[in-house]
Amino acid sequence: MDKVRVHQLDILTKGQKAAMKSEAQKAQIEAEQSHKDAVIKAAFAFINKEVSENLIRDMVEDFSRKGFASYNYYVDTDEFEEQLPGGVIELPDDLEKPTHWDRETKSQVPTKFTLNKALRTKSLRDYVQAILDEDFPGFSIRIFAEDFQNEEGNPAKFTVKLSNSAGKQKRGKGGKGKGGKGKGKSRGQGKTRSLDEFEAEQAKKQEALNK
């Protein structure tokens, strides 16, 4: 019976070791996930600040001067190619670069952040809204992608709609932003256009095609 007891104790010891190993692995996975979340959070914070200061800030200030109840601004991300090759917003060197799993290479690859993707995120809208709530009470922002639920829409074009609950009921037709005052790489000069300018441009293109 002594041998049975020894064997039983050996089984229990192995079970305890396995449980300890499992707990250690679980703790390691949780720590890695926590670090990954912190890295991506820091990256989004930087991207949101860049887009907010260099693209949306002038729209908000212009809208504030107008005093309208709502106003639309138009953005074509393709027009920022000179300032942002490929639309990519580079992270600073002192910020750890997030990575994601790539199925083709079966490895972790650096995550690219683009102006186009940033304009589609709830993270950016929430970031800007928090600033509006603090500095411009009653203001709100909504961003619409032209290709959202529209297969024929241009994925590079967006409408930034600003509203003011205390503004005049007169609605503006849309306006042109002035780029940004910040020093970030996502800065663009005069790249947002009014609806009239956009329609005039499209008319010129169509006229050229008919010649």
Protein backbone atom coordinates (compact mmCIF):
# COMPACT_ATOMS: atom_id res chain seq x y z
CA MET A 1 0.00 0.00 0.00
CA ASP A 2 2.94 2.30 0.58
CA LYS A 3 3.75 2.07 -3.10
CA VAL A 4 0.14 2.96 -3.96
CA ARG A 5 0.33 5.99 -1.70
CA VAL A 6 3.62 7.12 -3.22
CA HIS A 7 2.15 6.75 -6.69
CA GLN A 8 -0.95 8.69 -5.68
CA LEU A 9 1.16 11.50 -4.23
CA ASP A 10 3.18 11.57 -7.43
CA ILE A 11 -0.03 11.98 -9.45
CA LEU A 12 -1.18 14.82 -7.19
CA THR A 13 2.21 16.54 -7.43
CA LYS A 14 2.16 16.39 -11.22
CA GLY A 15 -1.37 17.83 -11.19
CA GLN A 16 -0.29 20.70 -8.97
CA LYS A 17 2.69 21.44 -11.19
CA ALA A 18 0.46 21.42 -14.27
CA ALA A 19 -2.00 23.78 -12.58
CA MET A 20 0.82 26.12 -11.55
CA LYS A 21 2.19 26.08 -15.08
CA SER A 22 -1.26 26.80 -16.48
CA GLU A 23 -1.70 29.75 -14.11
CA ALA A 24 1.73 31.11 -15.04
CA GLN A 25 0.92 30.84 -18.75
CA LYS A 26 -2.42 32.54 -18.19
CA ALA A 27 -0.75 35.38 -16.29
CA GLN A 28 1.82 35.78 -19.08
CA ILE A 29 -0.89 35.92 -21.75
CA GLU A 30 -2.83 38.52 -19.76
CA ALA A 31 0.32 40.61 -19.28
CA GLU A 32 1.12 40.47 -23.00
CA GLN A 33 -2.44 41.44 -23.91
CA SER A 34 -2.39 44.31 -21.42
CA HIS A 35 0.86 45.59 -22.94
CA LYS A 36 -0.52 45.25 -26.46
CA ASP A 37 -3.64 47.20 -25.47
CA ALA A 38 -1.51 49.96 -23.94
CA VAL A 39 0.60 50.21 -27.11
CA ILE A 40 -2.41 50.48 -29.44
CA LYS A 41 -4.10 52.96 -27.09
CA ALA A 42 -1.03 55.21 -27.16
CA ALA A 43 -0.89 54.98 -30.95
CA PHE A 44 -4.56 55.94 -31.34
CA ALA A 45 -4.09 58.83 -28.93
CA PHE A 46 -1.30 60.18 -31.14
CA ILE A 47 -3.23 59.66 -34.39
CA ASN A 48 -6.38 61.26 -33.00
CA LYS A 49 -4.44 64.30 -31.80
CA GLU A 50 -2.70 64.69 -35.17
CA VAL A 51 -5.92 64.53 -37.20
CA SER A 52 -7.80 66.72 -34.75
CA GLU A 53 -5.19 69.48 -34.62
CA ASN A 54 -4.18 69.44 -38.26
CA LEU A 55 -7.46 68.82 -40.06
CA ILE A 56 -10.53 69.28 -37.88
CA ARG A 57 -9.41 72.16 -35.67
CA ASP A 58 -9.77 74.81 -38.40
CA MET A 59 -13.19 73.46 -39.35
CA VAL A 60 -14.40 73.86 -35.77
CA GLU A 61 -13.02 77.38 -35.46
CA ASP A 62 -14.57 78.37 -38.80
CA PHE A 63 -17.89 76.83 -37.78
CA SER A 64 -17.78 78.69 -34.46
CA ARG A 65 -17.39 82.02 -36.28
CA LYS A 66 -20.30 81.25 -38.60
CA GLY A 67 -22.75 80.62 -35.76
CA PHE A 68 -24.89 78.23 -37.84
CA ALA A 69 -26.91 75.36 -36.41
CA SER A 70 -25.03 72.96 -38.70
CA TYR A 71 -22.44 73.04 -41.46
CA ASN A 72 -20.79 70.45 -43.69
CA TYR A 73 -17.11 70.28 -44.61
CA TYR A 74 -15.76 68.00 -47.31
CA VAL A 75 -12.52 66.04 -47.28
CA ASP A 76 -10.84 64.03 -50.04
CA THR A 77 -7.98 62.04 -48.51
CA ASP A 78 -6.44 61.44 -51.96
CA GLU A 79 -5.54 65.13 -52.05
CA PHE A 80 -3.15 64.70 -49.12
CA GLU A 81 -0.84 62.34 -51.03
CA GLU A 82 1.97 64.91 -51.17
CA GLN A 83 1.91 65.45 -47.40
CA LEU A 84 1.11 61.82 -46.53
CA PRO A 85 2.47 59.34 -49.10
CA GLY A 86 0.08 56.43 -49.21
CA GLY A 87 -2.08 58.26 -46.69
CA VAL A 88 0.09 56.88 -43.88
CA ILE A 89 0.50 58.87 -40.67
CA GLU A 90 3.87 57.90 -39.22
CA LEU A 91 4.20 57.36 -35.48
CA PRO A 92 7.06 59.14 -33.68
CA ASP A 93 10.26 57.19 -33.01
CA ASP A 94 9.75 57.28 -29.24
CA LEU A 95 6.39 55.51 -29.51
CA GLU A 96 6.31 51.72 -29.64
CA LYS A 97 4.86 50.54 -32.93
CA PRO A 98 1.77 48.29 -32.71
CA THR A 99 1.78 45.04 -34.67
CA HIS A 100 -0.87 42.62 -35.86
CA TRP A 101 -0.97 39.05 -37.14
CA ASP A 102 -0.59 38.71 -40.89
CA ARG A 103 -2.15 35.54 -42.28
CA GLU A 104 -0.07 35.55 -45.47
CA THR A 105 3.34 35.79 -43.82
CA LYS A 106 2.12 34.06 -40.65
CA SER A 107 3.94 36.61 -38.53
CA GLN A 108 3.47 39.84 -36.62
CA VAL A 109 3.79 42.89 -38.90
CA PRO A 110 3.75 46.64 -38.12
CA THR A 111 0.29 48.23 -38.15
CA LYS A 112 -0.08 51.15 -40.56
CA PHE A 113 -2.25 54.09 -39.56
CA THR A 114 -3.78 56.14 -42.36
CA LEU A 115 -5.80 59.34 -42.48
CA ASN A 116 -8.58 57.49 -44.29
CA LYS A 117 -8.89 54.83 -41.61
CA ALA A 118 -8.66 57.43 -38.83
CA LEU A 119 -11.65 59.33 -40.22
CA ARG A 120 -13.69 56.13 -40.03
CA THR A 121 -13.01 55.40 -36.36
CA LYS A 122 -15.27 56.00 -33.41
CA SER A 123 -12.09 56.68 -31.47
CA LEU A 124 -11.45 59.89 -33.45
CA ARG A 125 -15.06 61.06 -33.15
CA ASP A 126 -15.04 60.48 -29.40
CA TYR A 127 -11.70 62.28 -29.07
CA VAL A 128 -12.93 65.35 -30.95
CA GLN A 129 -16.30 65.31 -29.18
CA ALA A 130 -14.56 65.38 -25.80
CA ILE A 131 -12.71 68.54 -26.90
CA LEU A 132 -15.93 70.11 -28.20
CA ASP A 133 -17.72 69.37 -24.92
CA GLU A 134 -14.93 71.15 -23.06
CA ASP A 135 -14.20 74.11 -25.35
CA PHE A 136 -17.37 74.45 -27.42
CA PRO A 137 -20.38 73.35 -25.30
CA GLY A 138 -23.33 72.42 -27.50
CA PHE A 139 -21.17 71.50 -30.50
CA SER A 140 -21.21 67.98 -31.93
CA ILE A 141 -19.41 66.22 -34.78
CA ARG A 142 -20.34 63.44 -37.18
CA ILE A 143 -18.16 62.06 -39.97
CA PHE A 144 -19.65 60.28 -42.99
CA ALA A 145 -17.70 58.21 -45.51
CA GLU A 146 -19.11 58.49 -49.02
CA ASP A 147 -18.77 54.74 -49.56
CA PHE A 148 -20.59 53.79 -46.36
CA GLN A 149 -23.44 51.49 -47.46
CA ASN A 150 -22.87 52.84 -50.97
CA GLU A 151 -20.88 50.65 -53.36
CA GLU A 152 -20.57 53.50 -55.86
CA GLY A 153 -19.26 55.96 -53.28
CA ASN A 154 -15.67 57.19 -53.39
CA PRO A 155 -13.82 55.70 -50.37
CA ALA A 156 -11.50 58.72 -50.26
CA LYS A 157 -14.30 61.25 -49.70
CA PHE A 158 -15.82 62.22 -46.37
CA THR A 159 -18.33 64.72 -45.03
CA VAL A 160 -17.57 66.25 -41.64
CA LYS A 161 -20.84 67.56 -40.17
CA LEU A 162 -20.60 70.01 -37.29
CA SER A 163 -23.69 71.00 -35.33
CA ASN A 164 -24.40 73.64 -32.69
CA SER A 165 -27.49 73.31 -30.52
CA ALA A 166 -27.41 77.06 -29.87
CA GLY A 167 -26.67 78.10 -33.46
CA LYS A 168 -28.83 79.89 -35.99
CA GLN A 169 -31.35 77.72 -37.80
CA LYS A 170 -29.94 78.81 -41.13
CA ARG A 171 -27.90 75.96 -42.53
CA GLY A 172 -24.70 76.45 -44.45
CA LYS A 173 -24.20 74.61 -47.74
CA GLY A 174 -20.74 73.44 -46.83
CA GLY A 175 -17.34 74.93 -46.48
CA LYS A 176 -13.66 74.75 -47.08
CA GLY A 177 -11.22 74.01 -44.32
CA LYS A 178 -7.82 75.65 -44.11
CA GLY A 179 -5.69 72.61 -43.34
CA GLY A 180 -4.15 72.75 -39.91
CA LYS A 181 -2.12 74.93 -37.58
CA GLY A 182 -0.29 72.09 -35.87
CA LYS A 183 3.09 70.66 -36.79
CA GLY A 184 2.04 67.07 -37.34
CA LYS A 185 2.65 65.21 -40.57
CA SER A 186 -1.04 64.87 -41.26
CA ARG A 187 -1.19 68.58 -41.98
CA GLY A 188 -2.67 69.75 -45.29
CA GLN A 189 -3.14 73.22 -46.72
CA GLY A 190 -6.50 74.00 -48.32
CA LYS A 191 -7.40 70.42 -49.03
CA THR A 192 -11.02 70.45 -47.92
CA ARG A 193 -13.55 71.95 -50.29
CA SER A 194 -17.02 73.39 -50.31
CA LEU A 195 -19.86 71.60 -52.06
CA ASP A 196 -19.91 74.30 -54.75
CA GLU A 197 -16.20 73.87 -55.41
CA PHE A 198 -16.58 70.11 -55.56
CA GLU A 199 -19.47 70.30 -58.01
CA ALA A 200 -17.60 72.84 -60.16
CA GLU A 201 -14.61 70.53 -60.30
CA GLN A 202 -16.76 67.58 -61.33
CA ALA A 203 -18.39 69.72 -64.04
CA LYS A 204 -14.98 70.65 -65.45
CA LYS A 205 -13.93 67.01 -65.53
CA GLN A 206 -17.11 66.03 -67.35
CA GLU A 207 -16.67 68.90 -69.83
CA ALA A 208 -13.11 67.75 -70.57
CA LEU A 209 -14.35 64.20 -71.23
CA ASN A 210 -16.94 65.48 -73.73
CA LYS A 211 -14.39 67.34 -75.82
